[in-house]
């Protein structure tokens, strides 16, 4: 199963926080679309 990790911010102490996404077998394209959408949301649409 494909998986990827995306940054989600940091804790109040400044430690990085990540989110791991696991997709359906042979569907890396799904994860790439989700990661791209997350990047737009996280960066304010830029």
C-alpha atoms as a PDB file:
ATOM      1  CA  UNK A   1       0.000   0.000   0.000  1.00  0.00           C
ATOM      2  CA  UNK A   2       1.339   3.449  -0.830  1.00  0.00           C
ATOM      3  CA  UNK A   3       1.932   5.898   2.000  1.00  0.00           C
ATOM      4  CA  UNK A   4       3.287   9.396   2.403  1.00  0.00           C
ATOM      5  CA  UNK A   5       3.833  11.880   5.171  1.00  0.00           C
ATOM      6  CA  UNK A   6       2.898  15.557   5.041  1.00  0.00           C
ATOM      7  CA  UNK A   7       3.807  18.325   7.502  1.00  0.00           C
ATOM      8  CA  UNK A   8       0.946  19.641   9.642  1.00  0.00           C
ATOM      9  CA  UNK A   9       2.562  22.361  11.710  1.00  0.00           C
ATOM     10  CA  UNK A  10       4.214  22.267  15.089  1.00  0.00           C
ATOM     11  CA  UNK A  11       3.484  21.814  18.769  1.00  0.00           C
ATOM     12  CA  UNK A  12       3.528  24.752  21.200  1.00  0.00           C
ATOM     13  CA  UNK A  13       7.090  23.659  22.015  1.00  0.00           C
ATOM     14  CA  UNK A  14       8.106  24.008  18.363  1.00  0.00           C
ATOM     15  CA  UNK A  15       8.329  20.301  17.541  1.00  0.00           C
ATOM     16  CA  UNK A  16       7.184  19.346  14.034  1.00  0.00           C
ATOM     17  CA  UNK A  17       3.942  17.418  13.577  1.00  0.00           C
ATOM     18  CA  UNK A  18       3.220  15.260  10.549  1.00  0.00           C
ATOM     19  CA  UNK A  19       0.317  13.332   9.104  1.00  0.00           C
ATOM     20  CA  UNK A  20       0.795   9.944   7.476  1.00  0.00           C
ATOM     21  CA  UNK A  21      -1.613   9.021   4.696  1.00  0.00           C
ATOM     22  CA  UNK A  22      -2.063   5.450   3.504  1.00  0.00           C
ATOM     23  CA  UNK A  23      -3.801   4.882   0.196  1.00  0.00           C
ATOM     24  CA  UNK A  24      -5.388   2.013  -1.650  1.00  0.00           C
ATOM     25  CA  UNK A  25      -3.132  -0.568  -3.243  1.00  0.00           C
ATOM     26  CA  UNK A  26      -1.617   0.637  -6.552  1.00  0.00           C
ATOM     27  CA  UNK A  27      -3.223   4.104  -6.198  1.00  0.00           C
ATOM     28  CA  UNK A  28      -0.334   6.481  -5.601  1.00  0.00           C
ATOM     29  CA  UNK A  29      -2.255   8.994  -7.711  1.00  0.00           C
ATOM     30  CA  UNK A  30      -4.903   9.285  -4.984  1.00  0.00           C
ATOM     31  CA  UNK A  31      -2.290  10.168  -2.374  1.00  0.00           C
ATOM     32  CA  UNK A  32      -0.636  12.695  -4.666  1.00  0.00           C
ATOM     33  CA  UNK A  33      -3.967  14.472  -5.205  1.00  0.00           C
ATOM     34  CA  UNK A  34      -4.711  14.502  -1.470  1.00  0.00           C
ATOM     35  CA  UNK A  35      -1.217  15.791  -0.648  1.00  0.00           C
ATOM     36  CA  UNK A  36      -1.565  18.517  -3.296  1.00  0.00           C
ATOM     37  CA  UNK A  37      -4.930  19.587  -1.888  1.00  0.00           C
ATOM     38  CA  UNK A  38      -3.493  19.596   1.647  1.00  0.00           C
ATOM     39  CA  UNK A  39      -0.612  21.784   0.493  1.00  0.00           C
ATOM     40  CA  UNK A  40      -3.068  24.319  -0.961  1.00  0.00           C
ATOM     41  CA  UNK A  41      -5.155  24.372   2.226  1.00  0.00           C
ATOM     42  CA  UNK A  42      -2.126  24.562   4.519  1.00  0.00           C
ATOM     43  CA  UNK A  43      -0.443  27.313   2.492  1.00  0.00           C
ATOM     44  CA  UNK A  44      -3.614  29.348   2.108  1.00  0.00           C
ATOM     45  CA  UNK A  45      -4.233  28.478  -1.530  1.00  0.00           C
ATOM     46  CA  UNK A  46      -0.935  29.724  -2.908  1.00  0.00           C
END
